Amino acid sequence: MANLDFFAARADQKSVIDYVVSATDLRIFESYSEFDQDLREFRSFDELAATFPIGNDPFGNGTAVLLQLWSPSIMKNLKISRFSVDPHYCKGHTFRHRIDGGGLIQLYLGGSHKLVITKSHFGHFSLAGARKWGLDSGVDWDALKTLSNKFQHHVRKRLAVAKVSSRPVLPEAFELAHSGYDLKDAAQTPWKYELPQSED
C-alpha cells in the first residue's frame, strides 16, 4: 500500500477535493452505497458537502467520509457491483453497491470531533499488494504511481504548513491545533501529535 495520513479540517478538505476535481482525471465515489440504493458519484466539493458532514468526524475515528477515487487513465473499466446484505441485520434492506478494482484510491476524511482533529487518509494498493489479492490485472501501475506522487506532493509541499511525525498538517487544522485542538489518529487514541515549537 502507498499511504499518506494528514490532518485537515473543513477548509483543508475543500482544498483537497478541489485539487482532485480540477487537476486530475479522478472521479469521486462513495465507498459503499446506502442500503437499496445506487452508488453515488460526486463531481464537486459542494455535492460532497451536501451529502456528508465534511470537516466533522461525529464518531472520532478518522473515517467520517469514505471515498473511492477512480481514474480512467489507471483503470479503463469502471466496475460497480451489487452485493447482498442480510435483511435480518439491516432493517429489512437486501443490497448495497460498491466500486471494485485494484487500482482504486481510497480517500478517508476525518475532521473535528469535540476538541480533536482526527487524521484523514489517502492510500492505494501497490502492484505487489494487489497481486496477493488477485487484483493486479487491468491496472496501469505506472499511471497510478505518477498520479499518487502528484497528489502527495501537492498535499505535502503546497497545502501543508507544518508536519507532525510524517503527517502533513493543513492550514485550518494547524490553526485549530494552535487554538487548543489535539491532533490524533482517532479521538480515542491515548496520545497526540505535538506541533513543532516556533523558533521566534
N, C-alpha and C. Protein backbone atom coordinates (compact mmCIF):
# COMPACT_ATOMS: atom_id res chain seq x y z
N MET A 1 0.84 -1.20 0.00
CA MET A 1 0.00 0.00 0.00
C MET A 1 0.87 1.25 0.00
N ALA A 2 0.46 2.25 -0.75
CA ALA A 2 1.04 3.59 -0.66
C ALA A 2 0.08 4.43 0.16
N ASN A 3 0.58 5.06 1.21
CA ASN A 3 -0.29 5.75 2.15
C ASN A 3 0.20 7.15 2.46
N LEU A 4 -0.74 8.04 2.70
CA LEU A 4 -0.45 9.36 3.22
C LEU A 4 -1.55 9.71 4.22
N ASP A 5 -1.18 9.84 5.49
CA ASP A 5 -2.09 10.34 6.51
C ASP A 5 -1.80 11.82 6.72
N PHE A 6 -2.85 12.61 6.88
CA PHE A 6 -2.67 14.05 7.05
C PHE A 6 -3.80 14.61 7.90
N PHE A 7 -3.58 15.80 8.45
CA PHE A 7 -4.59 16.45 9.28
C PHE A 7 -5.23 17.60 8.51
N ALA A 8 -6.56 17.55 8.43
CA ALA A 8 -7.29 18.51 7.61
C ALA A 8 -8.64 18.80 8.23
N ALA A 9 -8.98 20.08 8.37
CA ALA A 9 -10.32 20.49 8.77
C ALA A 9 -11.13 20.79 7.51
N ARG A 10 -12.30 21.37 7.67
CA ARG A 10 -13.23 21.52 6.53
C ARG A 10 -12.61 22.29 5.36
N ALA A 11 -12.05 23.47 5.61
CA ALA A 11 -11.48 24.26 4.52
C ALA A 11 -10.33 23.53 3.85
N ASP A 12 -9.56 22.78 4.64
CA ASP A 12 -8.45 21.99 4.09
C ASP A 12 -8.98 20.88 3.18
N GLN A 13 -10.04 20.22 3.63
CA GLN A 13 -10.62 19.14 2.84
C GLN A 13 -11.21 19.69 1.54
N LYS A 14 -11.74 20.89 1.59
CA LYS A 14 -12.21 21.52 0.36
C LYS A 14 -11.04 21.72 -0.61
N SER A 15 -9.91 22.17 -0.10
CA SER A 15 -8.73 22.34 -0.95
C SER A 15 -8.31 21.03 -1.59
N VAL A 16 -8.38 19.95 -0.84
CA VAL A 16 -8.00 18.63 -1.35
C VAL A 16 -8.97 18.19 -2.44
N ILE A 17 -10.27 18.29 -2.16
CA ILE A 17 -11.27 17.87 -3.14
C ILE A 17 -11.22 18.74 -4.39
N ASP A 18 -11.06 20.04 -4.21
CA ASP A 18 -10.96 20.94 -5.36
C ASP A 18 -9.77 20.56 -6.25
N TYR A 19 -8.68 20.17 -5.63
CA TYR A 19 -7.50 19.75 -6.39
C TYR A 19 -7.80 18.47 -7.18
N VAL A 20 -8.42 17.50 -6.53
CA VAL A 20 -8.77 16.25 -7.20
C VAL A 20 -9.64 16.52 -8.42
N VAL A 21 -10.62 17.40 -8.25
CA VAL A 21 -11.57 17.69 -9.33
C VAL A 21 -10.93 18.48 -10.46
N SER A 22 -10.10 19.45 -10.12
CA SER A 22 -9.60 20.38 -11.13
C SER A 22 -8.27 19.97 -11.77
N ALA A 23 -7.45 19.18 -11.06
CA ALA A 23 -6.09 18.93 -11.53
C ALA A 23 -5.81 17.47 -11.87
N THR A 24 -6.79 16.60 -11.72
CA THR A 24 -6.60 15.18 -12.05
C THR A 24 -7.82 14.68 -12.84
N ASP A 25 -7.72 13.47 -13.34
CA ASP A 25 -8.88 12.87 -14.00
C ASP A 25 -9.63 11.91 -13.08
N LEU A 26 -9.37 12.01 -11.78
CA LEU A 26 -10.03 11.14 -10.82
C LEU A 26 -11.51 11.51 -10.68
N ARG A 27 -12.33 10.48 -10.58
CA ARG A 27 -13.74 10.64 -10.27
C ARG A 27 -14.01 10.13 -8.87
N ILE A 28 -14.89 10.79 -8.15
CA ILE A 28 -15.08 10.55 -6.73
C ILE A 28 -16.39 9.80 -6.49
N PHE A 29 -16.29 8.65 -5.83
CA PHE A 29 -17.46 7.84 -5.49
C PHE A 29 -17.46 7.55 -3.99
N GLU A 30 -18.65 7.32 -3.44
CA GLU A 30 -18.71 6.80 -2.08
C GLU A 30 -18.23 5.35 -2.10
N SER A 31 -17.63 4.90 -0.99
CA SER A 31 -17.11 3.53 -0.95
C SER A 31 -18.22 2.50 -1.04
N TYR A 32 -19.32 2.75 -0.34
CA TYR A 32 -20.48 1.86 -0.35
C TYR A 32 -21.74 2.71 -0.47
N SER A 33 -22.70 2.21 -1.22
CA SER A 33 -23.95 2.94 -1.35
C SER A 33 -24.76 2.82 -0.06
N GLU A 34 -25.76 3.65 0.04
CA GLU A 34 -26.78 3.46 1.07
C GLU A 34 -27.50 2.14 0.78
N PHE A 35 -28.20 1.61 1.77
CA PHE A 35 -28.94 0.37 1.55
C PHE A 35 -29.99 0.55 0.47
N ASP A 36 -30.05 -0.45 -0.44
CA ASP A 36 -31.04 -0.49 -1.52
C ASP A 36 -30.97 0.72 -2.45
N GLN A 37 -29.77 1.32 -2.58
CA GLN A 37 -29.61 2.49 -3.43
C GLN A 37 -28.43 2.30 -4.39
N ASP A 38 -28.41 3.11 -5.45
CA ASP A 38 -27.27 3.12 -6.36
C ASP A 38 -26.08 3.81 -5.70
N LEU A 39 -24.89 3.52 -6.22
CA LEU A 39 -23.68 4.18 -5.73
C LEU A 39 -23.64 5.61 -6.24
N ARG A 40 -23.30 6.55 -5.36
CA ARG A 40 -23.29 7.95 -5.74
C ARG A 40 -21.90 8.42 -6.16
N GLU A 41 -21.88 9.26 -7.19
CA GLU A 41 -20.67 9.94 -7.63
C GLU A 41 -20.80 11.42 -7.28
N PHE A 42 -19.65 12.04 -6.92
CA PHE A 42 -19.65 13.45 -6.53
C PHE A 42 -18.70 14.21 -7.44
N ARG A 43 -19.22 15.24 -8.09
CA ARG A 43 -18.44 15.97 -9.08
C ARG A 43 -17.86 17.28 -8.57
N SER A 44 -18.14 17.60 -7.32
CA SER A 44 -17.62 18.85 -6.75
C SER A 44 -17.63 18.74 -5.23
N PHE A 45 -16.92 19.68 -4.61
CA PHE A 45 -16.95 19.74 -3.15
C PHE A 45 -18.36 20.02 -2.65
N ASP A 46 -19.08 20.89 -3.32
CA ASP A 46 -20.43 21.24 -2.87
C ASP A 46 -21.35 20.02 -2.88
N GLU A 47 -21.24 19.18 -3.90
CA GLU A 47 -22.05 17.96 -3.94
C GLU A 47 -21.69 17.04 -2.78
N LEU A 48 -20.42 16.93 -2.49
CA LEU A 48 -19.97 16.09 -1.39
C LEU A 48 -20.46 16.64 -0.05
N ALA A 49 -20.33 17.96 0.12
CA ALA A 49 -20.71 18.60 1.38
C ALA A 49 -22.21 18.58 1.61
N ALA A 50 -22.99 18.46 0.53
CA ALA A 50 -24.44 18.37 0.67
C ALA A 50 -24.88 17.00 1.16
N THR A 51 -23.97 16.03 1.10
CA THR A 51 -24.30 14.65 1.46
C THR A 51 -23.66 14.21 2.77
N PHE A 52 -22.42 14.66 3.02
CA PHE A 52 -21.66 14.21 4.19
C PHE A 52 -21.29 15.40 5.09
N PRO A 53 -20.99 15.11 6.36
CA PRO A 53 -20.60 16.17 7.30
C PRO A 53 -19.13 16.55 7.12
N ILE A 54 -18.80 17.11 5.96
CA ILE A 54 -17.40 17.40 5.65
C ILE A 54 -16.79 18.30 6.73
N GLY A 55 -15.61 17.90 7.17
CA GLY A 55 -14.92 18.66 8.20
C GLY A 55 -15.22 18.22 9.62
N ASN A 56 -16.30 17.47 9.79
CA ASN A 56 -16.66 16.95 11.11
C ASN A 56 -16.51 15.43 11.13
N ASP A 57 -16.13 14.92 12.28
CA ASP A 57 -15.96 13.48 12.45
C ASP A 57 -16.83 13.06 13.64
N PRO A 58 -18.10 12.78 13.41
CA PRO A 58 -19.04 12.54 14.51
C PRO A 58 -18.63 11.47 15.50
N PHE A 59 -17.99 10.40 15.01
CA PHE A 59 -17.60 9.30 15.89
C PHE A 59 -16.13 9.36 16.30
N GLY A 60 -15.38 10.28 15.71
CA GLY A 60 -14.00 10.49 16.11
C GLY A 60 -13.04 9.39 15.73
N ASN A 61 -13.34 8.65 14.66
CA ASN A 61 -12.48 7.52 14.31
C ASN A 61 -11.66 7.74 13.03
N GLY A 62 -11.74 8.95 12.46
CA GLY A 62 -10.95 9.24 11.26
C GLY A 62 -11.54 8.70 9.98
N THR A 63 -12.76 8.20 10.04
CA THR A 63 -13.40 7.64 8.85
C THR A 63 -14.82 8.18 8.71
N ALA A 64 -14.97 9.48 8.88
CA ALA A 64 -16.30 10.08 8.78
C ALA A 64 -16.86 9.99 7.37
N VAL A 65 -15.98 10.12 6.37
CA VAL A 65 -16.38 10.05 4.97
C VAL A 65 -15.44 9.08 4.26
N LEU A 66 -16.00 8.03 3.67
CA LEU A 66 -15.21 7.01 2.99
C LEU A 66 -15.44 7.12 1.49
N LEU A 67 -14.38 7.47 0.76
CA LEU A 67 -14.49 7.69 -0.68
C LEU A 67 -13.54 6.78 -1.44
N GLN A 68 -13.93 6.45 -2.68
CA GLN A 68 -13.07 5.73 -3.60
C GLN A 68 -12.86 6.61 -4.83
N LEU A 69 -11.61 6.75 -5.24
CA LEU A 69 -11.27 7.57 -6.40
C LEU A 69 -10.89 6.66 -7.57
N TRP A 70 -11.55 6.88 -8.72
CA TRP A 70 -11.30 6.07 -9.91
C TRP A 70 -10.82 6.95 -11.05
N SER A 71 -9.77 6.50 -11.72
CA SER A 71 -9.21 7.24 -12.85
C SER A 71 -9.26 6.38 -14.10
N PRO A 72 -9.83 6.90 -15.20
CA PRO A 72 -9.85 6.14 -16.45
C PRO A 72 -8.47 5.94 -17.05
N SER A 73 -7.50 6.74 -16.64
CA SER A 73 -6.13 6.53 -17.14
C SER A 73 -5.42 5.42 -16.36
N ILE A 74 -5.97 5.03 -15.24
CA ILE A 74 -5.40 3.96 -14.43
C ILE A 74 -6.15 2.65 -14.66
N MET A 75 -7.47 2.72 -14.65
CA MET A 75 -8.33 1.56 -14.90
C MET A 75 -9.34 1.94 -15.97
N LYS A 76 -9.30 1.31 -17.12
CA LYS A 76 -10.22 1.68 -18.20
C LYS A 76 -11.66 1.34 -17.87
N ASN A 77 -11.85 0.25 -17.16
CA ASN A 77 -13.21 -0.21 -16.88
C ASN A 77 -13.67 0.23 -15.50
N LEU A 78 -14.82 0.88 -15.45
CA LEU A 78 -15.46 1.26 -14.19
C LEU A 78 -16.41 0.14 -13.79
N LYS A 79 -16.08 -0.54 -12.71
CA LYS A 79 -16.88 -1.69 -12.30
C LYS A 79 -17.59 -1.39 -10.98
N ILE A 80 -18.90 -1.31 -11.06
CA ILE A 80 -19.73 -1.12 -9.86
C ILE A 80 -20.56 -2.38 -9.68
N SER A 81 -20.46 -2.99 -8.53
CA SER A 81 -21.13 -4.27 -8.30
C SER A 81 -22.16 -4.15 -7.17
N ARG A 82 -23.16 -4.96 -7.28
CA ARG A 82 -24.21 -5.04 -6.26
C ARG A 82 -23.93 -6.27 -5.39
N PHE A 83 -24.09 -6.13 -4.10
CA PHE A 83 -23.91 -7.28 -3.22
C PHE A 83 -25.04 -7.33 -2.20
N SER A 84 -25.33 -8.54 -1.76
CA SER A 84 -26.45 -8.76 -0.85
C SER A 84 -26.06 -8.48 0.59
N VAL A 85 -27.04 -8.03 1.36
CA VAL A 85 -26.88 -7.89 2.80
C VAL A 85 -28.03 -8.64 3.47
N ASP A 86 -27.82 -9.00 4.70
CA ASP A 86 -28.82 -9.78 5.42
C ASP A 86 -29.91 -8.85 5.96
N PRO A 87 -31.13 -8.97 5.45
CA PRO A 87 -32.19 -8.07 5.91
C PRO A 87 -32.49 -8.18 7.40
N HIS A 88 -32.13 -9.32 7.99
CA HIS A 88 -32.36 -9.51 9.42
C HIS A 88 -31.53 -8.53 10.25
N TYR A 89 -30.34 -8.21 9.74
CA TYR A 89 -29.44 -7.31 10.46
C TYR A 89 -29.43 -5.89 9.88
N CYS A 90 -30.15 -5.68 8.79
CA CYS A 90 -30.09 -4.39 8.08
C CYS A 90 -31.47 -3.75 7.91
N LYS A 91 -32.32 -3.96 8.89
CA LYS A 91 -33.65 -3.32 8.93
C LYS A 91 -34.46 -3.59 7.66
N GLY A 92 -34.35 -4.80 7.17
CA GLY A 92 -35.13 -5.21 6.02
C GLY A 92 -34.50 -4.94 4.68
N HIS A 93 -33.37 -4.24 4.65
CA HIS A 93 -32.69 -3.96 3.39
C HIS A 93 -31.99 -5.21 2.87
N THR A 94 -31.85 -5.27 1.54
CA THR A 94 -31.33 -6.50 0.96
C THR A 94 -30.05 -6.35 0.13
N PHE A 95 -29.67 -5.10 -0.25
CA PHE A 95 -28.46 -4.97 -1.07
C PHE A 95 -27.84 -3.59 -0.91
N ARG A 96 -26.57 -3.53 -1.35
CA ARG A 96 -25.84 -2.27 -1.48
C ARG A 96 -24.99 -2.37 -2.75
N HIS A 97 -24.34 -1.25 -3.13
CA HIS A 97 -23.40 -1.24 -4.26
C HIS A 97 -22.03 -0.76 -3.79
N ARG A 98 -21.01 -1.18 -4.53
CA ARG A 98 -19.65 -0.72 -4.28
C ARG A 98 -18.90 -0.66 -5.61
N ILE A 99 -17.82 0.08 -5.62
CA ILE A 99 -16.94 0.13 -6.78
C ILE A 99 -15.77 -0.81 -6.52
N ASP A 100 -15.34 -1.56 -7.54
CA ASP A 100 -14.32 -2.59 -7.36
C ASP A 100 -13.11 -2.32 -8.24
N GLY A 101 -11.95 -2.84 -7.81
CA GLY A 101 -10.76 -2.80 -8.63
C GLY A 101 -9.49 -2.53 -7.84
N GLY A 102 -8.39 -3.11 -8.30
CA GLY A 102 -7.12 -2.98 -7.60
C GLY A 102 -6.46 -1.63 -7.77
N GLY A 103 -6.90 -0.83 -8.75
CA GLY A 103 -6.29 0.46 -8.99
C GLY A 103 -7.05 1.63 -8.40
N LEU A 104 -8.01 1.36 -7.53
CA LEU A 104 -8.75 2.43 -6.87
C LEU A 104 -7.89 3.10 -5.81
N ILE A 105 -8.20 4.35 -5.54
CA ILE A 105 -7.54 5.11 -4.47
C ILE A 105 -8.56 5.40 -3.38
N GLN A 106 -8.17 5.15 -2.15
CA GLN A 106 -9.05 5.42 -1.03
C GLN A 106 -8.75 6.81 -0.45
N LEU A 107 -9.79 7.58 -0.24
CA LEU A 107 -9.67 8.87 0.44
C LEU A 107 -10.67 8.87 1.58
N TYR A 108 -10.14 8.79 2.81
CA TYR A 108 -10.98 8.76 4.00
C TYR A 108 -10.78 10.09 4.74
N LEU A 109 -11.87 10.77 5.03
CA LEU A 109 -11.79 12.08 5.66
C LEU A 109 -12.17 12.00 7.13
N GLY A 110 -11.27 12.49 7.97
CA GLY A 110 -11.58 12.68 9.38
C GLY A 110 -12.07 14.11 9.58
N GLY A 111 -11.59 14.76 10.65
CA GLY A 111 -12.01 16.14 10.89
C GLY A 111 -12.14 16.41 12.36
N SER A 112 -12.98 17.38 12.71
CA SER A 112 -13.09 17.81 14.10
C SER A 112 -14.09 16.95 14.86
N HIS A 113 -13.68 16.57 16.04
CA HIS A 113 -14.53 15.82 16.97
C HIS A 113 -14.27 16.40 18.35
N LYS A 114 -15.23 17.19 18.84
CA LYS A 114 -15.03 17.92 20.09
C LYS A 114 -13.76 18.75 19.96
N LEU A 115 -12.74 18.52 20.76
CA LEU A 115 -11.51 19.30 20.67
C LEU A 115 -10.36 18.48 20.09
N VAL A 116 -10.70 17.64 19.13
CA VAL A 116 -9.71 16.80 18.45
C VAL A 116 -9.88 16.96 16.94
N ILE A 117 -8.76 16.98 16.21
CA ILE A 117 -8.77 16.82 14.76
C ILE A 117 -8.24 15.43 14.47
N THR A 118 -9.08 14.59 13.87
CA THR A 118 -8.65 13.23 13.53
C THR A 118 -8.02 13.22 12.13
N LYS A 119 -7.20 12.24 11.89
CA LYS A 119 -6.46 12.19 10.63
C LYS A 119 -7.39 11.89 9.45
N SER A 120 -6.98 12.34 8.28
CA SER A 120 -7.54 11.91 7.01
C SER A 120 -6.51 11.00 6.35
N HIS A 121 -6.94 10.23 5.35
CA HIS A 121 -6.08 9.18 4.80
C HIS A 121 -6.23 9.08 3.29
N PHE A 122 -5.11 8.96 2.60
CA PHE A 122 -5.05 8.70 1.16
C PHE A 122 -4.23 7.44 0.98
N GLY A 123 -4.72 6.48 0.20
CA GLY A 123 -3.95 5.25 0.05
C GLY A 123 -4.45 4.38 -1.10
N HIS A 124 -3.61 3.45 -1.53
CA HIS A 124 -3.97 2.54 -2.61
C HIS A 124 -3.01 1.35 -2.59
N PHE A 125 -3.37 0.31 -3.32
CA PHE A 125 -2.52 -0.86 -3.45
C PHE A 125 -1.25 -0.53 -4.23
N SER A 126 -0.18 -1.22 -3.89
CA SER A 126 0.97 -1.34 -4.78
C SER A 126 0.72 -2.55 -5.68
N LEU A 127 1.53 -2.71 -6.71
CA LEU A 127 1.38 -3.87 -7.59
C LEU A 127 1.55 -5.16 -6.80
N ALA A 128 2.56 -5.20 -5.93
CA ALA A 128 2.81 -6.42 -5.15
C ALA A 128 1.63 -6.73 -4.24
N GLY A 129 1.08 -5.71 -3.60
CA GLY A 129 -0.05 -5.93 -2.71
C GLY A 129 -1.29 -6.39 -3.45
N ALA A 130 -1.55 -5.76 -4.61
CA ALA A 130 -2.72 -6.15 -5.40
C ALA A 130 -2.59 -7.57 -5.92
N ARG A 131 -1.35 -7.94 -6.28
CA ARG A 131 -1.12 -9.29 -6.82
C ARG A 131 -1.47 -10.36 -5.80
N LYS A 132 -1.20 -10.09 -4.52
CA LYS A 132 -1.52 -11.06 -3.46
C LYS A 132 -3.02 -11.34 -3.39
N TRP A 133 -3.82 -10.34 -3.75
CA TRP A 133 -5.27 -10.48 -3.68
C TRP A 133 -5.89 -10.78 -5.05
N GLY A 134 -5.04 -10.97 -6.06
CA GLY A 134 -5.54 -11.23 -7.40
C GLY A 134 -6.23 -10.04 -8.04
N LEU A 135 -5.77 -8.83 -7.68
CA LEU A 135 -6.40 -7.60 -8.17
C LEU A 135 -5.47 -6.77 -9.05
N ASP A 136 -4.45 -7.40 -9.62
CA ASP A 136 -3.42 -6.65 -10.33
C ASP A 136 -3.71 -6.43 -11.81
N SER A 137 -4.67 -7.15 -12.37
CA SER A 137 -4.93 -7.02 -13.81
C SER A 137 -5.79 -5.80 -14.10
N GLY A 138 -5.63 -5.29 -15.33
CA GLY A 138 -6.45 -4.16 -15.77
C GLY A 138 -6.07 -2.84 -15.16
N VAL A 139 -4.87 -2.74 -14.59
CA VAL A 139 -4.42 -1.51 -13.93
C VAL A 139 -3.11 -1.04 -14.56
N ASP A 140 -3.04 0.24 -14.90
CA ASP A 140 -1.79 0.85 -15.35
C ASP A 140 -1.05 1.33 -14.10
N TRP A 141 -0.14 0.49 -13.61
CA TRP A 141 0.50 0.76 -12.32
C TRP A 141 1.44 1.96 -12.39
N ASP A 142 2.05 2.21 -13.53
CA ASP A 142 2.88 3.40 -13.68
C ASP A 142 2.04 4.67 -13.60
N ALA A 143 0.86 4.64 -14.22
CA ALA A 143 -0.03 5.80 -14.16
C ALA A 143 -0.52 6.04 -12.73
N LEU A 144 -0.80 4.96 -12.01
CA LEU A 144 -1.23 5.09 -10.62
C LEU A 144 -0.13 5.71 -9.77
N LYS A 145 1.09 5.24 -9.96
CA LYS A 145 2.21 5.79 -9.20
C LYS A 145 2.42 7.26 -9.50
N THR A 146 2.32 7.64 -10.77
CA THR A 146 2.51 9.04 -11.17
C THR A 146 1.44 9.93 -10.55
N LEU A 147 0.18 9.50 -10.64
CA LEU A 147 -0.90 10.31 -10.10
C LEU A 147 -0.81 10.39 -8.58
N SER A 148 -0.49 9.27 -7.94
CA SER A 148 -0.35 9.25 -6.49
C SER A 148 0.76 10.19 -6.03
N ASN A 149 1.90 10.15 -6.70
CA ASN A 149 3.01 11.03 -6.34
C ASN A 149 2.62 12.50 -6.51
N LYS A 150 1.86 12.78 -7.57
CA LYS A 150 1.41 14.15 -7.83
C LYS A 150 0.51 14.64 -6.70
N PHE A 151 -0.44 13.81 -6.30
CA PHE A 151 -1.34 14.17 -5.20
C PHE A 151 -0.57 14.37 -3.90
N GLN A 152 0.29 13.43 -3.57
CA GLN A 152 1.02 13.52 -2.31
C GLN A 152 1.95 14.73 -2.28
N HIS A 153 2.57 15.03 -3.42
CA HIS A 153 3.43 16.21 -3.48
C HIS A 153 2.61 17.47 -3.24
N HIS A 154 1.42 17.54 -3.82
CA HIS A 154 0.57 18.72 -3.65
C HIS A 154 0.19 18.90 -2.18
N VAL A 155 -0.18 17.82 -1.52
CA VAL A 155 -0.58 17.92 -0.11
C VAL A 155 0.61 18.26 0.77
N ARG A 156 1.73 17.58 0.54
CA ARG A 156 2.91 17.79 1.39
C ARG A 156 3.58 19.14 1.17
N LYS A 157 3.71 19.54 -0.08
CA LYS A 157 4.54 20.70 -0.40
C LYS A 157 3.76 21.98 -0.66
N ARG A 158 2.51 21.86 -1.08
CA ARG A 158 1.75 23.07 -1.43
C ARG A 158 0.66 23.41 -0.43
N LEU A 159 0.00 22.39 0.10
CA LEU A 159 -1.08 22.66 1.04
C LEU A 159 -0.62 22.71 2.49
N ALA A 160 0.27 21.81 2.87
CA ALA A 160 0.67 21.71 4.28
C ALA A 160 1.46 22.92 4.74
N VAL A 161 1.24 23.29 5.99
CA VAL A 161 2.00 24.39 6.60
C VAL A 161 2.87 23.89 7.75
N ALA A 162 2.72 22.62 8.10
CA ALA A 162 3.54 22.02 9.16
C ALA A 162 3.49 20.50 8.98
N LYS A 163 4.25 19.81 9.80
CA LYS A 163 4.29 18.35 9.75
C LYS A 163 4.47 17.83 11.16
N VAL A 164 3.72 16.78 11.51
CA VAL A 164 3.90 16.09 12.78
C VAL A 164 4.18 14.64 12.47
N SER A 165 5.31 14.14 12.97
CA SER A 165 5.81 12.84 12.51
C SER A 165 5.90 12.93 11.00
N SER A 166 5.31 12.02 10.27
CA SER A 166 5.35 12.11 8.80
C SER A 166 4.05 12.68 8.23
N ARG A 167 3.18 13.18 9.10
CA ARG A 167 1.85 13.60 8.68
C ARG A 167 1.79 15.10 8.40
N PRO A 168 1.45 15.51 7.18
CA PRO A 168 1.27 16.93 6.90
C PRO A 168 0.09 17.49 7.69
N VAL A 169 0.21 18.74 8.08
CA VAL A 169 -0.87 19.46 8.76
C VAL A 169 -1.27 20.62 7.86
N LEU A 170 -2.53 20.65 7.45
CA LEU A 170 -3.01 21.67 6.54
C LEU A 170 -3.46 22.91 7.32
N PRO A 171 -3.63 24.06 6.64
CA PRO A 171 -3.75 25.36 7.34
C PRO A 171 -4.83 25.45 8.41
N GLU A 172 -6.08 25.06 8.11
CA GLU A 172 -7.12 25.22 9.13
C GLU A 172 -6.89 24.27 10.30
N ALA A 173 -6.45 23.07 10.02
CA ALA A 173 -6.13 22.13 11.10
C ALA A 173 -5.00 22.69 11.97
N PHE A 174 -4.03 23.34 11.34
CA PHE A 174 -2.93 23.95 12.06
C PHE A 174 -3.44 25.06 12.98
N GLU A 175 -4.33 25.90 12.48
CA GLU A 175 -4.89 26.97 13.31
C GLU A 175 -5.67 26.40 14.48
N LEU A 176 -6.45 25.37 14.23
CA LEU A 176 -7.23 24.77 15.31
C LEU A 176 -6.32 24.12 16.35
N ALA A 177 -5.24 23.50 15.89
CA ALA A 177 -4.28 22.90 16.83
C ALA A 177 -3.67 23.97 17.73
N HIS A 178 -3.41 25.15 17.17
CA HIS A 178 -2.87 26.24 17.97
C HIS A 178 -3.90 26.84 18.91
N SER A 179 -5.17 26.62 18.64
CA SER A 179 -6.22 27.18 19.49
C SER A 179 -6.70 26.20 20.56
N GLY A 180 -6.07 25.01 20.63
CA GLY A 180 -6.40 24.08 21.71
C GLY A 180 -6.88 22.70 21.27
N TYR A 181 -7.02 22.47 19.98
CA TYR A 181 -7.39 21.14 19.49
C TYR A 181 -6.18 20.22 19.51
N ASP A 182 -6.42 18.94 19.79
CA ASP A 182 -5.38 17.92 19.71
C ASP A 182 -5.39 17.29 18.32
N LEU A 183 -4.22 16.92 17.83
CA LEU A 183 -4.09 16.18 16.58
C LEU A 183 -3.90 14.71 16.92
N LYS A 184 -4.87 13.88 16.55
CA LYS A 184 -4.83 12.45 16.89
C LYS A 184 -5.25 11.61 15.70
N ASP A 185 -4.77 10.37 15.68
CA ASP A 185 -5.25 9.44 14.66
C ASP A 185 -6.75 9.21 14.82
N ALA A 186 -7.19 9.07 16.05
CA ALA A 186 -8.61 8.95 16.38
C ALA A 186 -8.82 9.61 17.74
N ALA A 187 -10.04 10.03 18.01
CA ALA A 187 -10.31 10.73 19.26
C ALA A 187 -9.98 9.86 20.47
N GLN A 188 -10.13 8.54 20.33
CA GLN A 188 -9.90 7.63 21.45
C GLN A 188 -8.42 7.31 21.65
N THR A 189 -7.57 7.72 20.71
CA THR A 189 -6.14 7.45 20.85
C THR A 189 -5.60 8.13 22.10
N PRO A 190 -4.87 7.40 22.97
CA PRO A 190 -4.42 8.00 24.23
C PRO A 190 -3.32 9.03 24.08
N TRP A 191 -2.66 9.09 22.91
CA TRP A 191 -1.58 10.05 22.70
C TRP A 191 -1.94 10.98 21.55
N LYS A 192 -1.24 12.09 21.48
CA LYS A 192 -1.49 13.06 20.42
C LYS A 192 -0.18 13.47 19.79
N TYR A 193 -0.28 14.10 18.62
CA TYR A 193 0.90 14.63 17.92
C TYR A 193 1.13 16.07 18.38
N GLU A 194 2.38 16.40 18.60
CA GLU A 194 2.74 17.75 19.04
C GLU A 194 3.27 18.55 17.85
N LEU A 195 2.75 19.76 17.70
CA LEU A 195 3.26 20.64 16.67
C LEU A 195 4.70 21.05 17.00
N PRO A 196 5.53 21.27 16.00
CA PRO A 196 6.90 21.73 16.29
C PRO A 196 6.86 23.10 16.96
N GLN A 197 7.80 23.31 17.84
CA GLN A 197 7.88 24.59 18.56
C GLN A 197 8.33 25.70 17.64
N SER A 198 7.71 26.86 17.78
CA SER A 198 8.11 28.03 17.00
C SER A 198 9.48 28.47 17.42
N GLU A 199 10.25 28.97 16.45
CA GLU A 199 11.61 29.42 16.75
C GLU A 199 11.69 30.90 17.11
N ASP A 200 10.52 31.63 17.08
CA ASP A 200 10.58 33.05 17.43
C ASP A 200 10.31 33.31 18.88
